[in-house]
């Protein structure tokens, strides 16, 4: 039982680390590309900004989903009840 709790905690730590780093890198890349696009075509500012905000919201939702899954694993792990039998 202790091994399972330790393993799930380590998995949650790795999951939250990857779940925050990878979307942050994707957001930085999206902003970089949007700024390059704006520098090349300033007249397309409205469409680029709109697409950028939609894309950033989608990327941020991935980080939020990761946080929710990690919190479930840490505090309400459904497998603990199965192992406690």
Protein backbone atom coordinates (compact mmCIF):
# COMPACT_ATOMS: atom_id res chain seq x y z
CA UNK A 1 0.00 0.00 0.00
CA UNK A 2 2.81 2.42 0.85
CA UNK A 3 4.55 1.63 -2.42
CA UNK A 4 1.38 2.43 -4.37
CA UNK A 5 0.89 5.74 -2.55
CA UNK A 6 4.53 6.68 -3.13
CA UNK A 7 4.37 5.69 -6.80
CA UNK A 8 1.17 7.64 -7.39
CA UNK A 9 2.66 10.70 -5.66
CA UNK A 10 5.79 10.53 -7.82
CA UNK A 11 3.65 10.07 -10.93
CA UNK A 12 1.56 13.08 -9.92
CA UNK A 13 4.69 15.19 -9.45
CA UNK A 14 6.03 14.20 -12.86
CA UNK A 15 2.61 14.80 -14.39
CA UNK A 16 2.26 18.29 -12.95
CA UNK A 17 5.84 19.15 -13.94
CA UNK A 18 5.26 18.11 -17.54
CA UNK A 19 1.73 19.50 -17.52
CA UNK A 20 2.99 22.96 -16.69
CA UNK A 21 6.25 23.03 -18.64
CA UNK A 22 5.00 21.78 -21.99
CA UNK A 23 1.97 24.12 -22.28
CA UNK A 24 4.18 27.02 -21.17
CA UNK A 25 6.64 26.23 -23.93
CA UNK A 26 3.78 25.94 -26.44
CA UNK A 27 2.39 29.31 -25.33
CA UNK A 28 5.79 30.94 -25.74
CA UNK A 29 6.14 29.47 -29.21
CA UNK A 30 2.63 30.63 -30.20
CA UNK A 31 3.30 34.16 -28.98
CA UNK A 32 6.64 34.20 -30.78
CA UNK A 33 5.03 33.17 -34.05
CA UNK A 34 2.21 35.70 -33.61
CA UNK A 35 4.71 38.52 -33.04
CA UNK A 36 6.67 37.48 -36.13
CA UNK A 37 3.45 37.41 -38.15
CA UNK A 38 2.49 40.86 -36.87
CA UNK A 39 5.91 42.20 -37.79
CA UNK A 40 5.51 40.91 -41.35
CA UNK A 41 1.84 41.84 -41.84
CA UNK A 42 0.70 44.55 -39.44
CA UNK A 43 -2.59 44.93 -41.32
CA UNK A 44 -3.65 41.42 -40.27
CA UNK A 45 -3.50 42.30 -36.57
CA UNK A 46 -7.14 41.57 -35.76
CA UNK A 47 -7.24 38.10 -37.27
CA UNK A 48 -3.86 37.13 -35.85
CA UNK A 49 -4.82 38.35 -32.38
CA UNK A 50 -8.12 36.52 -32.46
CA UNK A 51 -6.50 33.26 -33.52
CA UNK A 52 -3.74 33.74 -30.96
CA UNK A 53 -6.18 34.13 -28.07
CA UNK A 54 -8.20 31.10 -29.15
CA UNK A 55 -5.01 29.05 -29.42
CA UNK A 56 -3.74 30.23 -26.05
CA UNK A 57 -7.04 29.30 -24.43
CA UNK A 58 -6.83 25.80 -25.90
CA UNK A 59 -3.25 25.39 -24.67
CA UNK A 60 -4.17 26.66 -21.21
CA UNK A 61 -7.05 24.19 -21.01
CA UNK A 62 -4.51 21.36 -21.37
CA UNK A 63 -2.65 22.60 -18.32
CA UNK A 64 -5.89 22.88 -16.34
CA UNK A 65 -6.93 19.33 -17.31
CA UNK A 66 -3.53 18.08 -16.18
CA UNK A 67 -3.96 19.85 -12.84
CA UNK A 68 -7.38 18.29 -12.31
CA UNK A 69 -6.11 14.78 -13.06
CA UNK A 70 -3.13 15.23 -10.74
CA UNK A 71 -5.38 16.45 -7.93
CA UNK A 72 -7.63 13.43 -8.41
CA UNK A 73 -4.63 11.10 -8.26
CA UNK A 74 -3.30 12.77 -5.12
CA UNK A 75 -6.45 13.28 -3.07
CA UNK A 76 -9.15 10.95 -4.36
CA UNK A 77 -7.38 8.05 -6.00
CA UNK A 78 -10.02 5.45 -6.97
CA UNK A 79 -7.49 2.63 -6.86
CA UNK A 80 -6.79 3.10 -3.14
CA UNK A 81 -10.22 1.72 -2.22
CA UNK A 82 -9.58 -1.29 -4.44
CA UNK A 83 -6.21 -1.98 -2.80
CA UNK A 84 -7.52 -1.51 0.75
CA UNK A 85 -9.79 -4.58 0.47
